């Protein structure tokens, strides 16, 4: 990251919330479920699948976690009743992982049960390295209790991910593979972009060689090209994998993937907790953050 981009990232907290809100519209469906349904319908009409997410993580109070848990059946009903091609994605810390592991597990299990009753799928999202072992343990416990409608996420920058792939692939885990976005120490995560890229390809090859279904989650065109090669070499059919991208990111690349006959799923978040998510997206793309700062200095509101 250049010195200018570092400056932009560090000064993001100074950017007024209303300016960040202008840019959040690119990455977030809205604050309501109805807005998310509308966005998913639009993407479904263009041949894209979706995964729906309620924004919010690192919940430290039981009533807040229980309130979020209670929202998910309504989401699943909307997906079924509106005929949407969408599953759901949930962060464990939203449901109380930072409070109590058993409390979180019970919350998660109730949602997985609701999803199974509606023939839907739950992606257990991955967060920072302090949650990795607990998240994978929760996934394995759900599988051991007979739930087949759950999948996990592994991050290519994590040094442990290769061993996790080797063990989970034997269990025919359904994976989402991404680079990883949390700031981690060098002791647990690769720091160089080439290291992360190369590990992403290595992990994807291991997953595909073991016959796992993989959501290839990347906006990196180089990685997309590498994935194309692995898919061709493996002789996979389009229903044996999918690409995944965030709402509002690299839409040209997204359309190119679709035109080449690959399936693609768009991550569609909604909710009141849009600010933290938006800042994270802006930190990942300092150029866009720079536009926000220019708007501040010029005194315009876009």
Protein backbone atom coordinates (compact mmCIF):
# COMPACT_ATOMS: atom_id res chain seq x y z
CA UNK A 1 0.00 0.00 0.00
CA UNK A 2 1.41 3.40 -0.94
CA UNK A 3 2.14 6.12 1.61
CA UNK A 4 -0.83 8.11 0.28
CA UNK A 5 -3.16 5.13 0.61
CA UNK A 6 -1.93 4.50 4.17
CA UNK A 7 -2.71 8.11 4.98
CA UNK A 8 -6.19 7.75 3.50
CA UNK A 9 -6.89 4.61 5.49
CA UNK A 10 -5.69 6.12 8.78
CA UNK A 11 -7.76 9.28 8.28
CA UNK A 12 -11.00 7.45 7.49
CA UNK A 13 -12.38 7.99 11.03
CA UNK A 14 -12.31 11.73 10.27
CA UNK A 15 -14.63 11.36 7.29
CA UNK A 16 -18.19 12.40 8.23
CA UNK A 17 -20.63 9.54 8.48
CA UNK A 18 -22.93 11.01 5.83
CA UNK A 19 -20.12 10.90 3.25
CA UNK A 20 -19.35 7.27 4.09
CA UNK A 21 -23.09 6.67 3.76
CA UNK A 22 -23.02 7.93 0.18
CA UNK A 23 -20.46 5.30 -0.72
CA UNK A 24 -22.11 2.56 1.34
CA UNK A 25 -24.94 2.42 -1.19
CA UNK A 26 -22.55 0.68 -3.55
CA UNK A 27 -21.83 -2.15 -1.12
CA UNK A 28 -25.02 -2.45 0.93
CA UNK A 29 -28.57 -3.25 -0.18
CA UNK A 30 -30.08 -0.91 2.42
CA UNK A 31 -31.17 -0.96 6.03
CA UNK A 32 -34.29 -3.12 5.57
CA UNK A 33 -35.06 -6.66 4.49
CA UNK A 34 -37.39 -5.32 1.79
CA UNK A 35 -34.50 -3.42 0.23
CA UNK A 36 -32.32 -6.53 0.31
CA UNK A 37 -35.08 -8.58 -1.36
CA UNK A 38 -35.32 -5.98 -4.12
CA UNK A 39 -31.55 -6.09 -4.76
CA UNK A 40 -31.49 -9.89 -4.82
CA UNK A 41 -34.40 -10.01 -7.27
CA UNK A 42 -32.50 -7.65 -9.55
CA UNK A 43 -29.37 -9.80 -9.44
CA UNK A 44 -31.34 -13.05 -9.83
CA UNK A 45 -32.91 -11.60 -12.99
CA UNK A 46 -29.38 -11.20 -14.39
CA UNK A 47 -28.47 -14.81 -13.71
CA UNK A 48 -26.72 -14.34 -10.37
CA UNK A 49 -27.31 -16.22 -7.13
CA UNK A 50 -27.05 -14.43 -3.79
CA UNK A 51 -26.15 -14.90 -0.17
CA UNK A 52 -27.98 -12.66 2.27
CA UNK A 53 -26.32 -11.24 5.37
CA UNK A 54 -27.63 -9.14 8.25
CA UNK A 55 -24.89 -6.66 9.14
CA UNK A 56 -23.55 -6.78 12.68
CA UNK A 57 -20.74 -8.56 14.47
CA UNK A 58 -18.86 -8.63 17.78
CA UNK A 59 -22.05 -8.63 19.83
CA UNK A 60 -21.32 -8.68 23.55
CA UNK A 61 -24.83 -8.62 25.05
CA UNK A 62 -27.17 -11.62 25.07
CA UNK A 63 -30.38 -9.66 24.28
CA UNK A 64 -28.73 -8.15 21.18
CA UNK A 65 -27.56 -11.58 19.97
CA UNK A 66 -31.01 -13.06 20.61
CA UNK A 67 -32.66 -10.21 18.70
CA UNK A 68 -30.46 -10.88 15.68
CA UNK A 69 -31.13 -14.61 15.93
CA UNK A 70 -34.87 -13.91 15.90
CA UNK A 71 -34.51 -11.92 12.68
CA UNK A 72 -33.14 -14.83 10.64
CA UNK A 73 -36.38 -16.88 10.32
CA UNK A 74 -37.99 -13.78 8.82
CA UNK A 75 -35.13 -13.60 6.32
CA UNK A 76 -35.52 -17.28 5.43
CA UNK A 77 -39.27 -16.83 4.98
CA UNK A 78 -38.68 -13.88 2.65
CA UNK A 79 -36.27 -15.93 0.54
CA UNK A 80 -38.80 -18.76 0.25
CA UNK A 81 -41.91 -16.66 -0.21
CA UNK A 82 -40.31 -14.35 -2.77
CA UNK A 83 -38.78 -17.26 -4.70
CA UNK A 84 -35.25 -15.88 -4.36
CA UNK A 85 -32.16 -17.81 -5.41
CA UNK A 86 -30.30 -17.05 -2.20
CA UNK A 87 -28.81 -18.68 0.85
CA UNK A 88 -27.65 -16.96 4.04
CA UNK A 89 -24.30 -16.14 5.63
CA UNK A 90 -23.83 -15.52 9.36
CA UNK A 91 -20.87 -14.43 11.49
CA UNK A 92 -20.62 -16.38 14.77
CA UNK A 93 -19.77 -13.27 16.79
CA UNK A 94 -23.16 -11.86 15.76
CA UNK A 95 -24.86 -14.68 17.65
CA UNK A 96 -22.77 -14.45 20.79
CA UNK A 97 -19.46 -16.22 20.21
CA UNK A 98 -17.68 -13.48 22.17
CA UNK A 99 -20.13 -14.05 25.04
CA UNK A 100 -20.34 -17.82 25.41
CA UNK A 101 -19.63 -20.62 22.94
CA UNK A 102 -22.57 -22.77 24.00
CA UNK A 103 -24.95 -19.81 23.84
CA UNK A 104 -23.69 -19.08 20.32
CA UNK A 105 -24.02 -22.71 19.26
CA UNK A 106 -27.65 -22.91 20.39
CA UNK A 107 -28.46 -19.72 18.49
CA UNK A 108 -26.72 -21.00 15.38
CA UNK A 109 -28.33 -24.42 15.58
CA UNK A 110 -31.82 -22.92 15.75
CA UNK A 111 -31.17 -20.97 12.53
CA UNK A 112 -29.69 -24.01 10.77
CA UNK A 113 -32.82 -25.96 11.76
CA UNK A 114 -35.03 -23.17 10.38
CA UNK A 115 -33.02 -23.14 7.15
CA UNK A 116 -33.18 -26.93 6.78
CA UNK A 117 -36.96 -26.83 7.16
CA UNK A 118 -37.05 -24.37 4.25
CA UNK A 119 -34.44 -26.32 2.22
CA UNK A 120 -31.92 -23.53 2.50
CA UNK A 121 -28.20 -23.37 3.23
CA UNK A 122 -26.23 -21.54 5.94
CA UNK A 123 -22.69 -20.34 5.40
CA UNK A 124 -20.86 -20.03 8.71
CA UNK A 125 -18.73 -16.98 8.05
CA UNK A 126 -15.13 -16.70 9.24
CA UNK A 127 -13.81 -13.80 11.29
CA UNK A 128 -10.40 -13.05 12.79
CA UNK A 129 -7.94 -15.68 14.00
CA UNK A 130 -9.25 -15.62 17.58
CA UNK A 131 -12.47 -17.26 16.33
CA UNK A 132 -11.13 -19.79 13.81
CA UNK A 133 -10.96 -22.88 16.01
CA UNK A 134 -14.33 -22.20 17.67
CA UNK A 135 -15.98 -21.58 14.30
CA UNK A 136 -14.68 -24.82 12.78
CA UNK A 137 -15.64 -26.72 15.94
CA UNK A 138 -19.18 -25.38 15.67
CA UNK A 139 -19.35 -26.45 12.01
CA UNK A 140 -18.18 -29.96 12.88
CA UNK A 141 -20.66 -30.23 15.73
CA UNK A 142 -23.53 -29.26 13.46
CA UNK A 143 -22.42 -31.83 10.90
CA UNK A 144 -22.13 -34.48 13.61
CA UNK A 145 -25.72 -33.74 14.61
CA UNK A 146 -26.83 -34.51 11.06
CA UNK A 147 -27.08 -31.09 9.44
CA UNK A 148 -25.92 -31.13 5.83
CA UNK A 149 -27.04 -27.59 4.97
CA UNK A 150 -23.99 -25.84 6.41
CA UNK A 151 -20.64 -24.74 5.01
CA UNK A 152 -17.47 -23.06 6.21
CA UNK A 153 -15.09 -20.33 5.12
CA UNK A 154 -11.30 -20.56 4.99
CA UNK A 155 -8.95 -17.65 4.44
CA UNK A 156 -5.91 -17.98 2.20
CA UNK A 157 -3.75 -15.66 4.27
CA UNK A 158 -4.01 -17.87 7.35
CA UNK A 159 -0.99 -20.15 7.79
CA UNK A 160 -3.17 -22.86 9.34
CA UNK A 161 -5.58 -23.04 6.40
CA UNK A 162 -3.70 -25.75 4.50
CA UNK A 163 -4.02 -28.18 7.42
CA UNK A 164 -7.65 -27.16 7.88
CA UNK A 165 -8.34 -27.89 4.20
CA UNK A 166 -6.70 -31.30 4.41
CA UNK A 167 -8.83 -32.35 7.38
CA UNK A 168 -12.11 -30.73 6.29
CA UNK A 169 -11.88 -31.95 2.70
CA UNK A 170 -11.88 -35.52 3.97
CA UNK A 171 -15.26 -34.70 5.49
CA UNK A 172 -16.49 -33.33 2.11
CA UNK A 173 -16.90 -29.86 3.55
CA UNK A 174 -18.60 -27.19 1.48
CA UNK A 175 -16.08 -24.33 1.36
CA UNK A 176 -15.96 -20.65 0.65
CA UNK A 177 -12.35 -19.70 -0.04
CA UNK A 178 -11.31 -16.05 0.25
CA UNK A 179 -8.07 -14.14 0.84
CA UNK A 180 -8.97 -12.78 4.29
CA UNK A 181 -9.32 -9.16 5.37
CA UNK A 182 -8.62 -8.97 9.11
CA UNK A 183 -5.31 -7.53 10.32
CA UNK A 184 -3.33 -10.47 11.68
CA UNK A 185 0.24 -10.91 12.99
CA UNK A 186 2.86 -12.55 10.79
CA UNK A 187 2.93 -15.51 13.17
CA UNK A 188 -0.54 -16.60 12.04
CA UNK A 189 -0.99 -15.01 8.60
CA UNK A 190 1.00 -14.45 5.43
CA UNK A 191 1.73 -10.76 4.96
CA UNK A 192 2.82 -10.51 1.31
CA UNK A 193 0.25 -10.30 -1.49
CA UNK A 194 2.11 -12.88 -3.59
CA UNK A 195 2.25 -15.28 -0.65
CA UNK A 196 -1.49 -14.95 -0.13
CA UNK A 197 -2.23 -15.37 -3.83
CA UNK A 198 -0.07 -18.46 -4.14
CA UNK A 199 -1.61 -20.01 -1.05
CA UNK A 200 -5.10 -19.29 -2.41
CA UNK A 201 -4.28 -21.30 -5.53
CA UNK A 202 -2.70 -24.09 -3.48
CA UNK A 203 -5.75 -24.35 -1.22
CA UNK A 204 -8.19 -24.23 -4.14
CA UNK A 205 -6.30 -27.04 -5.86
CA UNK A 206 -6.44 -29.16 -2.70
CA UNK A 207 -10.17 -28.55 -2.31
CA UNK A 208 -11.00 -29.39 -5.91
CA UNK A 209 -8.73 -32.45 -5.94
CA UNK A 210 -10.66 -33.81 -2.96
CA UNK A 211 -13.99 -33.28 -4.71
CA UNK A 212 -15.16 -30.48 -2.44
CA UNK A 213 -17.70 -27.89 -3.53
CA UNK A 214 -16.02 -24.49 -3.41
CA UNK A 215 -17.30 -20.94 -3.49
CA UNK A 216 -14.32 -19.20 -5.09
CA UNK A 217 -14.59 -15.79 -3.43
CA UNK A 218 -12.26 -13.27 -5.03
CA UNK A 219 -12.17 -9.97 -6.92
CA UNK A 220 -8.58 -10.58 -8.03
CA UNK A 221 -8.54 -11.11 -11.79
CA UNK A 222 -5.28 -13.06 -11.60
CA UNK A 223 -6.86 -15.49 -9.16
CA UNK A 224 -9.97 -15.78 -11.32
CA UNK A 225 -7.77 -16.78 -14.26
CA UNK A 226 -5.95 -19.33 -12.10
CA UNK A 227 -9.32 -20.71 -11.01
CA UNK A 228 -10.41 -21.04 -14.63
CA UNK A 229 -7.31 -23.18 -15.30
CA UNK A 230 -7.91 -25.41 -12.29
CA UNK A 231 -11.57 -25.85 -13.20
CA UNK A 232 -10.65 -26.86 -16.73
CA UNK A 233 -7.90 -29.21 -15.57
CA UNK A 234 -10.26 -30.84 -13.08
CA UNK A 235 -12.96 -31.25 -15.74
CA UNK A 236 -15.58 -29.75 -13.46
CA UNK A 237 -19.14 -29.07 -14.53
CA UNK A 238 -20.65 -25.62 -13.75
CA UNK A 239 -22.78 -27.02 -10.91
CA UNK A 240 -19.73 -28.36 -9.04
CA UNK A 241 -18.37 -24.96 -7.92
CA UNK A 242 -19.23 -21.27 -8.01
CA UNK A 243 -17.57 -17.88 -7.97
CA UNK A 244 -18.53 -15.37 -5.29
CA UNK A 245 -18.18 -11.59 -5.17
CA UNK A 246 -19.28 -8.72 -2.94
CA UNK A 247 -22.14 -6.47 -3.93
CA UNK A 248 -20.86 -3.45 -5.86
CA UNK A 249 -17.29 -4.68 -6.38
CA UNK A 250 -15.61 -5.34 -9.77
CA UNK A 251 -18.89 -5.56 -11.64
CA UNK A 252 -17.12 -5.80 -14.99
CA UNK A 253 -15.21 -8.87 -13.82
CA UNK A 254 -18.42 -10.28 -12.38
CA UNK A 255 -20.19 -9.95 -15.74
CA UNK A 256 -17.22 -11.53 -17.53
CA UNK A 257 -17.36 -14.57 -15.24
CA UNK A 258 -21.05 -15.01 -16.01
CA UNK A 259 -20.54 -14.64 -19.76
CA UNK A 260 -18.01 -17.44 -19.67
CA UNK A 261 -20.70 -19.77 -18.34
CA UNK A 262 -19.69 -19.92 -14.67
CA UNK A 263 -22.13 -19.59 -11.80
CA UNK A 264 -21.70 -16.56 -9.56
CA UNK A 265 -23.10 -15.64 -6.16
CA UNK A 266 -23.26 -12.05 -4.88
CA UNK A 267 -22.94 -11.27 -1.18
CA UNK A 268 -25.83 -8.95 -0.28
CA UNK A 269 -25.66 -7.34 3.18
CA UNK A 270 -28.30 -5.14 4.77
CA UNK A 271 -29.06 -3.61 8.15
CA UNK A 272 -28.51 -0.72 10.49
CA UNK A 273 -24.89 -1.65 11.19
CA UNK A 274 -23.73 -0.37 7.80
CA UNK A 275 -21.04 2.05 8.97
CA UNK A 276 -18.43 -0.44 10.22
CA UNK A 277 -18.92 -2.61 7.13
CA UNK A 278 -18.56 0.40 4.81
CA UNK A 279 -15.37 1.58 6.49
CA UNK A 280 -13.90 -1.89 6.05
CA UNK A 281 -14.75 -1.86 2.34
CA UNK A 282 -13.21 1.60 1.97
CA UNK A 283 -10.06 0.47 3.76
CA UNK A 284 -9.78 -2.39 1.27
CA UNK A 285 -10.07 0.12 -1.58
CA UNK A 286 -8.18 3.30 -0.59
CA UNK A 287 -8.80 4.85 -4.01
CA UNK A 288 -12.53 4.99 -3.30
CA UNK A 289 -11.78 6.27 0.19
CA UNK A 290 -9.76 9.03 -1.46
CA UNK A 291 -12.85 10.18 -3.33
CA UNK A 292 -14.65 10.47 0.01
CA UNK A 293 -11.88 12.63 1.44
CA UNK A 294 -11.91 14.86 -1.63
CA UNK A 295 -15.63 15.34 -1.13
CA UNK A 296 -14.92 16.43 2.43
CA UNK A 297 -12.22 18.94 1.46
CA UNK A 298 -14.28 20.38 -1.39
CA UNK A 299 -17.30 20.76 0.83
CA UNK A 300 -19.64 18.84 -1.47
CA UNK A 301 -21.82 15.90 -0.50
CA UNK A 302 -21.82 13.99 -3.80
